[in-house]
PDB file of all heavy atoms in Angstrom:
ATOM      1  N   GLY A   1     -29.102 -17.619 -62.241  1.00  0.00           N
ATOM      2  CA  GLY A   1     -28.281 -17.475 -61.046  1.00  0.00           C
ATOM      3  C   GLY A   1     -26.991 -16.994 -61.464  1.00  0.00           C
ATOM      4  O   GLY A   1     -26.664 -16.434 -62.493  1.00  0.00           O
ATOM      5  N   LEU A   2     -25.980 -17.407 -60.606  1.00  0.00           N
ATOM      6  CA  LEU A   2     -24.554 -16.976 -60.713  1.00  0.00           C
ATOM      7  C   LEU A   2     -23.976 -17.454 -62.088  1.00  0.00           C
ATOM      8  O   LEU A   2     -22.930 -16.873 -62.564  1.00  0.00           O
ATOM      9  CB  LEU A   2     -23.802 -17.607 -59.576  1.00  0.00           C
ATOM     10  CG  LEU A   2     -22.408 -17.080 -59.347  1.00  0.00           C
ATOM     11  CD1 LEU A   2     -22.344 -15.664 -59.078  1.00  0.00           C
ATOM     12  CD2 LEU A   2     -21.771 -17.854 -58.028  1.00  0.00           C
ATOM     13  N   TRP A   3     -24.495 -18.488 -62.717  1.00  0.00           N
ATOM     14  CA  TRP A   3     -23.993 -18.937 -63.908  1.00  0.00           C
ATOM     15  C   TRP A   3     -24.137 -18.101 -65.035  1.00  0.00           C
ATOM     16  O   TRP A   3     -23.283 -18.022 -65.995  1.00  0.00           O
ATOM     17  CB  TRP A   3     -24.685 -20.297 -64.292  1.00  0.00           C
ATOM     18  CG  TRP A   3     -24.320 -20.728 -65.659  1.00  0.00           C
ATOM     19  CD1 TRP A   3     -23.196 -21.510 -65.993  1.00  0.00           C
ATOM     20  CD2 TRP A   3     -25.046 -20.589 -66.780  1.00  0.00           C
ATOM     21  NE1 TRP A   3     -23.182 -21.675 -67.386  1.00  0.00           N
ATOM     22  CE2 TRP A   3     -24.317 -21.182 -67.969  1.00  0.00           C
ATOM     23  CE3 TRP A   3     -26.178 -20.010 -67.126  1.00  0.00           C
ATOM     24  CZ2 TRP A   3     -24.789 -21.155 -69.250  1.00  0.00           C
ATOM     25  CZ3 TRP A   3     -26.704 -19.922 -68.544  1.00  0.00           C
ATOM     26  CH2 TRP A   3     -25.985 -20.564 -69.455  1.00  0.00           C
ATOM     27  N   LEU A   4     -25.191 -17.061 -65.023  1.00  0.00           N
ATOM     28  CA  LEU A   4     -25.403 -16.216 -66.167  1.00  0.00           C
ATOM     29  C   LEU A   4     -24.117 -15.578 -66.711  1.00  0.00           C
ATOM     30  O   LEU A   4     -23.473 -14.768 -65.987  1.00  0.00           O
ATOM     31  CB  LEU A   4     -26.391 -15.113 -65.753  1.00  0.00           C
ATOM     32  CG  LEU A   4     -26.899 -14.344 -66.921  1.00  0.00           C
ATOM     33  CD1 LEU A   4     -27.701 -15.135 -67.912  1.00  0.00           C
ATOM     34  CD2 LEU A   4     -27.723 -13.089 -66.382  1.00  0.00           C
ATOM     35  N   PRO A   5     -23.568 -15.946 -67.920  1.00  0.00           N
ATOM     36  CA  PRO A   5     -22.300 -15.599 -68.218  1.00  0.00           C
ATOM     37  C   PRO A   5     -22.023 -14.048 -68.559  1.00  0.00           C
ATOM     38  O   PRO A   5     -22.960 -13.355 -68.858  1.00  0.00           O
ATOM     39  CB  PRO A   5     -22.072 -16.360 -69.600  1.00  0.00           C
ATOM     40  CG  PRO A   5     -23.091 -17.432 -69.581  1.00  0.00           C
ATOM     41  CD  PRO A   5     -24.268 -16.863 -68.797  1.00  0.00           C
ATOM     42  N   LEU A   6     -20.717 -13.687 -68.288  1.00  0.00           N
ATOM     43  CA  LEU A   6     -20.362 -12.344 -68.598  1.00  0.00           C
ATOM     44  C   LEU A   6     -20.048 -12.276 -70.117  1.00  0.00           C
ATOM     45  O   LEU A   6     -19.507 -13.134 -70.686  1.00  0.00           O
ATOM     46  CB  LEU A   6     -19.192 -11.911 -67.822  1.00  0.00           C
ATOM     47  CG  LEU A   6     -19.406 -11.541 -66.302  1.00  0.00           C
ATOM     48  CD1 LEU A   6     -18.065 -11.421 -65.630  1.00  0.00           C
ATOM     49  CD2 LEU A   6     -20.208 -10.255 -66.148  1.00  0.00           C
ATOM     50  N   ASN A   7     -20.239 -11.128 -70.738  1.00  0.00           N
ATOM     51  CA  ASN A   7     -19.837 -10.908 -72.122  1.00  0.00           C
ATOM     52  C   ASN A   7     -19.633  -9.418 -72.306  1.00  0.00           C
ATOM     53  O   ASN A   7     -20.479  -8.564 -72.360  1.00  0.00           O
ATOM     54  CB  ASN A   7     -21.100 -11.316 -73.026  1.00  0.00           C
ATOM     55  CG  ASN A   7     -20.689 -11.228 -74.532  1.00  0.00           C
ATOM     56  OD1 ASN A   7     -19.398 -11.250 -74.901  1.00  0.00           O
ATOM     57  ND2 ASN A   7     -21.636 -11.214 -75.360  1.00  0.00           N
ATOM     58  N   PRO A   8     -18.330  -9.011 -72.467  1.00  0.00           N
ATOM     59  CA  PRO A   8     -17.095  -9.858 -72.427  1.00  0.00           C
ATOM     60  C   PRO A   8     -16.814 -10.342 -71.079  1.00  0.00           C
ATOM     61  O   PRO A   8     -17.162  -9.706 -70.047  1.00  0.00           O
ATOM     62  CB  PRO A   8     -16.041  -8.958 -72.909  1.00  0.00           C
ATOM     63  CG  PRO A   8     -16.455  -7.606 -72.543  1.00  0.00           C
ATOM     64  CD  PRO A   8     -17.944  -7.614 -72.653  1.00  0.00           C
ATOM     65  N   ARG A   9     -16.031 -11.490 -70.875  1.00  0.00           N
ATOM     66  CA  ARG A   9     -15.952 -12.199 -69.696  1.00  0.00           C
ATOM     67  C   ARG A   9     -14.934 -11.559 -68.773  1.00  0.00           C
ATOM     68  O   ARG A   9     -14.711 -11.983 -67.595  1.00  0.00           O
ATOM     69  CB  ARG A   9     -15.719 -13.662 -69.861  1.00  0.00           C
ATOM     70  CG  ARG A   9     -14.333 -13.960 -70.540  1.00  0.00           C
ATOM     71  CD  ARG A   9     -14.072 -15.408 -70.726  1.00  0.00           C
ATOM     72  NE  ARG A   9     -12.762 -15.733 -71.202  1.00  0.00           N
ATOM     73  CZ  ARG A   9     -12.210 -16.902 -71.241  1.00  0.00           C
ATOM     74  NH1 ARG A   9     -12.937 -17.963 -70.715  1.00  0.00           N
ATOM     75  NH2 ARG A   9     -10.985 -17.120 -71.832  1.00  0.00           N
ATOM     76  N   HIS A  10     -14.126 -10.619 -69.205  1.00  0.00           N
ATOM     77  CA  HIS A  10     -13.011  -9.996 -68.319  1.00  0.00           C
ATOM     78  C   HIS A  10     -13.480  -8.801 -67.651  1.00  0.00           C
ATOM     79  O   HIS A  10     -12.616  -8.140 -66.954  1.00  0.00           O
ATOM     80  CB  HIS A  10     -11.814  -9.696 -69.202  1.00  0.00           C
ATOM     81  CG  HIS A  10     -11.932  -8.658 -70.201  1.00  0.00           C
ATOM     82  ND1 HIS A  10     -12.872  -8.639 -71.202  1.00  0.00           N
ATOM     83  CD2 HIS A  10     -11.317  -7.398 -70.235  1.00  0.00           C
ATOM     84  CE1 HIS A  10     -12.744  -7.530 -71.879  1.00  0.00           C
ATOM     85  NE2 HIS A  10     -11.865  -6.738 -71.334  1.00  0.00           N
ATOM     86  N   LYS A  11     -14.729  -8.362 -67.762  1.00  0.00           N
ATOM     87  CA  LYS A  11     -15.145  -7.167 -67.056  1.00  0.00           C
ATOM     88  C   LYS A  11     -16.580  -7.323 -66.675  1.00  0.00           C
ATOM     89  O   LYS A  11     -17.345  -8.194 -67.127  1.00  0.00           O
ATOM     90  CB  LYS A  11     -14.964  -5.954 -67.825  1.00  0.00           C
ATOM     91  CG  LYS A  11     -15.652  -5.924 -69.273  1.00  0.00           C
ATOM     92  CD  LYS A  11     -15.574  -4.724 -70.051  1.00  0.00           C
ATOM     93  CE  LYS A  11     -14.155  -4.381 -70.422  1.00  0.00           C
ATOM     94  NZ  LYS A  11     -13.886  -3.199 -71.327  1.00  0.00           N
ATOM     95  N   GLY A  12     -17.134  -6.432 -65.852  1.00  0.00           N
ATOM     96  CA  GLY A  12     -18.475  -6.516 -65.395  1.00  0.00           C
ATOM     97  C   GLY A  12     -18.772  -7.441 -64.205  1.00  0.00           C
ATOM     98  O   GLY A  12     -19.899  -7.889 -64.015  1.00  0.00           O
ATOM     99  N   PHE A  13     -17.746  -7.604 -63.408  1.00  0.00           N
ATOM    100  CA  PHE A  13     -17.926  -8.548 -62.234  1.00  0.00           C
ATOM    101  C   PHE A  13     -18.901  -7.985 -61.231  1.00  0.00           C
ATOM    102  O   PHE A  13     -19.158  -6.759 -61.205  1.00  0.00           O
ATOM    103  CB  PHE A  13     -16.500  -8.744 -61.568  1.00  0.00           C
ATOM    104  CG  PHE A  13     -15.545  -9.366 -62.544  1.00  0.00           C
ATOM    105  CD1 PHE A  13     -14.557  -8.628 -63.032  1.00  0.00           C
ATOM    106  CD2 PHE A  13     -15.601 -10.716 -62.843  1.00  0.00           C
ATOM    107  CE1 PHE A  13     -13.634  -9.088 -63.949  1.00  0.00           C
ATOM    108  CE2 PHE A  13     -14.622 -11.255 -63.697  1.00  0.00           C
ATOM    109  CZ  PHE A  13     -13.675 -10.487 -64.257  1.00  0.00           C
ATOM    110  N   ALA A  14     -19.495  -8.805 -60.420  1.00  0.00           N
ATOM    111  CA  ALA A  14     -20.432  -8.391 -59.436  1.00  0.00           C
ATOM    112  C   ALA A  14     -19.790  -7.443 -58.483  1.00  0.00           C
ATOM    113  O   ALA A  14     -18.556  -7.395 -58.108  1.00  0.00           O
ATOM    114  CB  ALA A  14     -20.865  -9.636 -58.554  1.00  0.00           C
ATOM    115  N   THR A  15     -20.632  -6.439 -57.988  1.00  0.00           N
ATOM    116  CA  THR A  15     -20.212  -5.380 -57.096  1.00  0.00           C
ATOM    117  C   THR A  15     -21.087  -5.377 -55.846  1.00  0.00           C
ATOM    118  O   THR A  15     -22.006  -6.180 -55.757  1.00  0.00           O
ATOM    119  CB  THR A  15     -20.282  -4.002 -57.811  1.00  0.00           C
ATOM    120  OG1 THR A  15     -21.703  -3.776 -58.065  1.00  0.00           O
ATOM    121  CG2 THR A  15     -19.618  -4.027 -59.185  1.00  0.00           C
ATOM    122  N   ASP A  16     -20.801  -4.427 -54.929  1.00  0.00           N
ATOM    123  CA  ASP A  16     -21.619  -4.229 -53.763  1.00  0.00           C
ATOM    124  C   ASP A  16     -22.684  -3.155 -53.975  1.00  0.00           C
ATOM    125  O   ASP A  16     -23.288  -2.800 -52.988  1.00  0.00           O
ATOM    126  CB  ASP A  16     -20.746  -3.997 -52.551  1.00  0.00           C
ATOM    127  CG  ASP A  16     -19.945  -2.725 -52.744  1.00  0.00           C
ATOM    128  OD1 ASP A  16     -20.038  -2.110 -53.819  1.00  0.00           O
ATOM    129  OD2 ASP A  16     -19.180  -2.423 -51.782  1.00  0.00           O
ATOM    130  N   LYS A  17     -22.882  -2.675 -55.178  1.00  0.00           N
ATOM    131  CA  LYS A  17     -23.871  -1.676 -55.456  1.00  0.00           C
ATOM    132  C   LYS A  17     -25.350  -2.162 -55.187  1.00  0.00           C
ATOM    133  O   LYS A  17     -25.583  -3.356 -55.631  1.00  0.00           O
ATOM    134  CB  LYS A  17     -23.744  -1.143 -56.790  1.00  0.00           C
ATOM    135  CG  LYS A  17     -22.360  -0.376 -57.043  1.00  0.00           C
ATOM    136  CD  LYS A  17     -22.311   0.085 -58.463  1.00  0.00           C
ATOM    137  CE  LYS A  17     -20.926   0.831 -58.677  1.00  0.00           C
ATOM    138  NZ  LYS A  17     -20.728   1.277 -60.062  1.00  0.00           N
ATOM    139  N   PRO A  18     -26.165  -1.461 -54.562  1.00  0.00           N
ATOM    140  CA  PRO A  18     -27.500  -1.936 -54.270  1.00  0.00           C
ATOM    141  C   PRO A  18     -28.323  -2.378 -55.538  1.00  0.00           C
ATOM    142  O   PRO A  18     -29.222  -3.189 -55.434  1.00  0.00           O
ATOM    143  CB  PRO A  18     -28.227  -0.773 -53.584  1.00  0.00           C
ATOM    144  CG  PRO A  18     -26.979   0.105 -53.072  1.00  0.00           C
ATOM    145  CD  PRO A  18     -25.977  -0.116 -54.012  1.00  0.00           C
ATOM    146  N   ASN A  19     -28.042  -1.624 -56.682  1.00  0.00           N
ATOM    147  CA  ASN A  19     -28.865  -2.087 -57.863  1.00  0.00           C
ATOM    148  C   ASN A  19     -28.210  -3.116 -58.663  1.00  0.00           C
ATOM    149  O   ASN A  19     -28.668  -3.420 -59.777  1.00  0.00           O
ATOM    150  CB  ASN A  19     -29.009  -0.791 -58.750  1.00  0.00           C
ATOM    151  CG  ASN A  19     -27.638  -0.249 -59.257  1.00  0.00           C
ATOM    152  OD1 ASN A  19     -26.616  -0.590 -58.699  1.00  0.00           O
ATOM    153  ND2 ASN A  19     -27.713   0.625 -60.235  1.00  0.00           N
ATOM    154  N   ASP A  20     -27.215  -3.770 -58.138  1.00  0.00           N
ATOM    155  CA  ASP A  20     -26.555  -4.857 -58.921  1.00  0.00           C
ATOM    156  C   ASP A  20     -27.261  -6.169 -58.544  1.00  0.00           C
ATOM    157  O   ASP A  20     -27.421  -6.542 -57.435  1.00  0.00           O
ATOM    158  CB  ASP A  20     -25.032  -5.002 -58.466  1.00  0.00           C
ATOM    159  CG  ASP A  20     -24.229  -6.032 -59.205  1.00  0.00           C
ATOM    160  OD1 ASP A  20     -24.931  -6.905 -59.867  1.00  0.00           O
ATOM    161  OD2 ASP A  20     -23.042  -5.969 -59.223  1.00  0.00           O
ATOM    162  N   PRO A  21     -27.816  -6.785 -59.662  1.00  0.00           N
ATOM    163  CA  PRO A  21     -28.652  -8.024 -59.275  1.00  0.00           C
ATOM    164  C   PRO A  21     -27.741  -9.146 -58.751  1.00  0.00           C
ATOM    165  O   PRO A  21     -28.324 -10.086 -58.227  1.00  0.00           O
ATOM    166  CB  PRO A  21     -29.144  -8.421 -60.720  1.00  0.00           C
ATOM    167  CG  PRO A  21     -28.243  -7.732 -61.694  1.00  0.00           C
ATOM    168  CD  PRO A  21     -27.850  -6.395 -61.045  1.00  0.00           C
ATOM    169  N   PHE A  22     -26.404  -9.041 -58.890  1.00  0.00           N
ATOM    170  CA  PHE A  22     -25.544 -10.083 -58.384  1.00  0.00           C
ATOM    171  C   PHE A  22     -24.762  -9.504 -57.139  1.00  0.00           C
ATOM    172  O   PHE A  22     -23.573  -9.899 -56.822  1.00  0.00           O
ATOM    173  CB  PHE A  22     -24.562 -10.589 -59.409  1.00  0.00           C
ATOM    174  CG  PHE A  22     -25.267 -11.199 -60.513  1.00  0.00           C
ATOM    175  CD1 PHE A  22     -25.550 -10.510 -61.710  1.00  0.00           C
ATOM    176  CD2 PHE A  22     -25.679 -12.615 -60.431  1.00  0.00           C
ATOM    177  CE1 PHE A  22     -26.211 -11.095 -62.733  1.00  0.00           C
ATOM    178  CE2 PHE A  22     -26.248 -13.157 -61.532  1.00  0.00           C
ATOM    179  CZ  PHE A  22     -26.618 -12.423 -62.692  1.00  0.00           C
ATOM    180  N   ARG A  23     -25.353  -8.549 -56.412  1.00  0.00           N
ATOM    181  CA  ARG A  23     -24.713  -7.812 -55.445  1.00  0.00           C
ATOM    182  C   ARG A  23     -23.949  -8.747 -54.399  1.00  0.00           C
ATOM    183  O   ARG A  23     -24.454  -9.614 -53.975  1.00  0.00           O
ATOM    184  CB  ARG A  23     -25.668  -6.849 -54.701  1.00  0.00           C
ATOM    185  CG  ARG A  23     -26.770  -7.573 -54.011  1.00  0.00           C
ATOM    186  CD  ARG A  23     -27.932  -6.561 -53.611  1.00  0.00           C
ATOM    187  NE  ARG A  23     -29.096  -7.258 -53.042  1.00  0.00           N
ATOM    188  CZ  ARG A  23     -30.009  -7.721 -53.764  1.00  0.00           C
ATOM    189  NH1 ARG A  23     -29.977  -7.583 -55.094  1.00  0.00           N
ATOM    190  NH2 ARG A  23     -31.099  -8.351 -53.299  1.00  0.00           N
ATOM    191  N   ILE A  24     -22.699  -8.243 -54.208  1.00  0.00           N
ATOM    192  CA  ILE A  24     -21.920  -8.974 -53.160  1.00  0.00           C
ATOM    193  C   ILE A  24     -22.385  -8.697 -51.833  1.00  0.00           C
ATOM    194  O   ILE A  24     -22.685  -7.640 -51.420  1.00  0.00           O
ATOM    195  CB  ILE A  24     -20.346  -8.539 -53.370  1.00  0.00           C
ATOM    196  CG1 ILE A  24     -19.782  -8.992 -54.656  1.00  0.00           C
ATOM    197  CG2 ILE A  24     -19.599  -9.051 -52.191  1.00  0.00           C
ATOM    198  CD1 ILE A  24     -18.424  -8.395 -55.053  1.00  0.00           C
ATOM    199  N   ASP A  25     -22.352  -9.784 -51.015  1.00  0.00           N
ATOM    200  CA  ASP A  25     -22.861  -9.750 -49.712  1.00  0.00           C
ATOM    201  C   ASP A  25     -21.673  -9.904 -48.744  1.00  0.00           C
ATOM    202  O   ASP A  25     -21.139 -10.965 -48.717  1.00  0.00           O
ATOM    203  CB  ASP A  25     -23.931 -10.840 -49.459  1.00  0.00           C
ATOM    204  CG  ASP A  25     -24.586 -10.790 -48.051  1.00  0.00           C
ATOM    205  OD1 ASP A  25     -24.087  -9.934 -47.184  1.00  0.00           O
ATOM    206  OD2 ASP A  25     -25.570 -11.457 -47.797  1.00  0.00           O
ATOM    207  N   PRO A  26     -21.268  -8.819 -48.036  1.00  0.00           N
ATOM    208  CA  PRO A  26     -20.152  -8.995 -47.094  1.00  0.00           C
ATOM    209  C   PRO A  26     -20.397  -9.974 -45.920  1.00  0.00           C
ATOM    210  O   PRO A  26     -19.454 -10.538 -45.265  1.00  0.00           O
ATOM    211  CB  PRO A  26     -19.907  -7.599 -46.602  1.00  0.00           C
ATOM    212  CG  PRO A  26     -21.174  -6.871 -46.794  1.00  0.00           C
ATOM    213  CD  PRO A  26     -21.826  -7.482 -48.039  1.00  0.00           C
ATOM    214  N   ASN A  27     -21.750 -10.301 -45.677  1.00  0.00           N
ATOM    215  CA  ASN A  27     -22.029 -11.246 -44.641  1.00  0.00           C
ATOM    216  C   ASN A  27     -22.117 -12.680 -45.161  1.00  0.00           C
ATOM    217  O   ASN A  27     -22.446 -13.581 -44.407  1.00  0.00           O
ATOM    218  CB  ASN A  27     -23.343 -10.808 -43.968  1.00  0.00           C
ATOM    219  CG  ASN A  27     -23.328  -9.554 -43.290  1.00  0.00           C
ATOM    220  OD1 ASN A  27     -22.344  -9.199 -42.603  1.00  0.00           O
ATOM    221  ND2 ASN A  27     -24.281  -8.617 -43.515  1.00  0.00           N
ATOM    222  N   ASP A  28     -21.824 -12.810 -46.455  1.00  0.00           N
ATOM    223  CA  ASP A  28     -21.954 -14.153 -46.983  1.00  0.00           C
ATOM    224  C   ASP A  28     -20.682 -14.455 -47.871  1.00  0.00           C
ATOM    225  O   ASP A  28     -20.697 -14.763 -48.950  1.00  0.00           O
ATOM    226  CB  ASP A  28     -23.154 -14.236 -47.943  1.00  0.00           C
ATOM    227  CG  ASP A  28     -23.628 -15.624 -48.286  1.00  0.00           C
ATOM    228  OD1 ASP A  28     -22.971 -16.589 -47.753  1.00  0.00           O
ATOM    229  OD2 ASP A  28     -24.519 -15.887 -49.030  1.00  0.00           O
ATOM    230  N   ASP A  29     -19.546 -14.329 -47.119  1.00  0.00           N
ATOM    231  CA  ASP A  29     -18.239 -14.653 -47.743  1.00  0.00           C
ATOM    232  C   ASP A  29     -17.912 -13.853 -48.969  1.00  0.00           C
ATOM    233  O   ASP A  29     -17.142 -14.207 -49.851  1.00  0.00           O
ATOM    234  CB  ASP A  29     -18.255 -16.188 -48.148  1.00  0.00           C
ATOM    235  CG  ASP A  29     -16.850 -16.788 -48.307  1.00  0.00           C
ATOM    236  OD1 ASP A  29     -15.876 -16.163 -47.732  1.00  0.00           O
ATOM    237  OD2 ASP A  29     -16.603 -17.769 -49.040  1.00  0.00           O
ATOM    238  N   ASP A  30     -18.433 -12.552 -49.010  1.00  0.00           N
ATOM    239  CA  ASP A  30     -18.206 -11.659 -50.070  1.00  0.00           C
ATOM    240  C   ASP A  30     -18.469 -12.295 -51.448  1.00  0.00           C
ATOM    241  O   ASP A  30     -17.810 -12.004 -52.405  1.00  0.00           O
ATOM    242  CB  ASP A  30     -16.748 -11.180 -50.066  1.00  0.00           C
ATOM    243  CG  ASP A  30     -16.477 -10.116 -48.963  1.00  0.00           C
ATOM    244  OD1 ASP A  30     -17.399  -9.374 -48.700  1.00  0.00           O
ATOM    245  OD2 ASP A  30     -15.396 -10.138 -48.356  1.00  0.00           O
ATOM    246  N   ARG A  31     -19.444 -13.151 -51.525  1.00  0.00           N
ATOM    247  CA  ARG A  31     -19.823 -13.831 -52.707  1.00  0.00           C
ATOM    248  C   ARG A  31     -20.957 -13.070 -53.420  1.00  0.00           C
ATOM    249  O   ARG A  31     -21.808 -12.480 -52.724  1.00  0.00           O
ATOM    250  CB  ARG A  31     -20.359 -15.271 -52.477  1.00  0.00           C
ATOM    251  CG  ARG A  31     -19.303 -16.121 -51.821  1.00  0.00           C
ATOM    252  CD  ARG A  31     -18.364 -16.679 -52.744  1.00  0.00           C
ATOM    253  NE  ARG A  31     -17.395 -17.642 -52.143  1.00  0.00           N
ATOM    254  CZ  ARG A  31     -16.724 -18.569 -52.819  1.00  0.00           C
ATOM    255  NH1 ARG A  31     -16.862 -18.622 -54.104  1.00  0.00           N
ATOM    256  NH2 ARG A  31     -15.957 -19.456 -52.200  1.00  0.00           N
ATOM    257  N   PRO A  32     -21.003 -13.150 -54.688  1.00  0.00           N
ATOM    258  CA  PRO A  32     -22.198 -12.633 -55.535  1.00  0.00           C
ATOM    259  C   PRO A  32     -23.434 -13.457 -55.217  1.00  0.00           C
ATOM    260  O   PRO A  32     -23.248 -14.619 -54.887  1.00  0.00           O
ATOM    261  CB  PRO A  32     -21.778 -12.754 -56.976  1.00  0.00           C
ATOM    262  CG  PRO A  32     -20.297 -12.957 -56.943  1.00  0.00           C
ATOM    263  CD  PRO A  32     -19.915 -13.623 -55.602  1.00  0.00           C
ATOM    264  N   LEU A  33     -24.584 -12.795 -55.191  1.00  0.00           N
ATOM    265  CA  LEU A  33     -25.789 -13.475 -54.974  1.00  0.00           C
ATOM    266  C   LEU A  33     -26.093 -14.489 -56.118  1.00  0.00           C
ATOM    267  O   LEU A  33     -25.866 -14.171 -57.298  1.00  0.00           O
ATOM    268  CB  LEU A  33     -26.941 -12.511 -55.032  1.00  0.00           C
ATOM    269  CG  LEU A  33     -28.299 -13.061 -54.902  1.00  0.00           C
ATOM    270  CD1 LEU A  33     -28.624 -13.663 -53.586  1.00  0.00           C
ATOM    271  CD2 LEU A  33     -29.429 -11.982 -55.164  1.00  0.00           C
TER     272      LEU A  33
END
């Protein structure tokens, strides 16, 4: 889930791209899945 850590942690944040497994949902408070 959302806990899966970033490495390095200062980049690679979730996006709204369809192929992003943590894709941001604008209908869900703009949160990563």
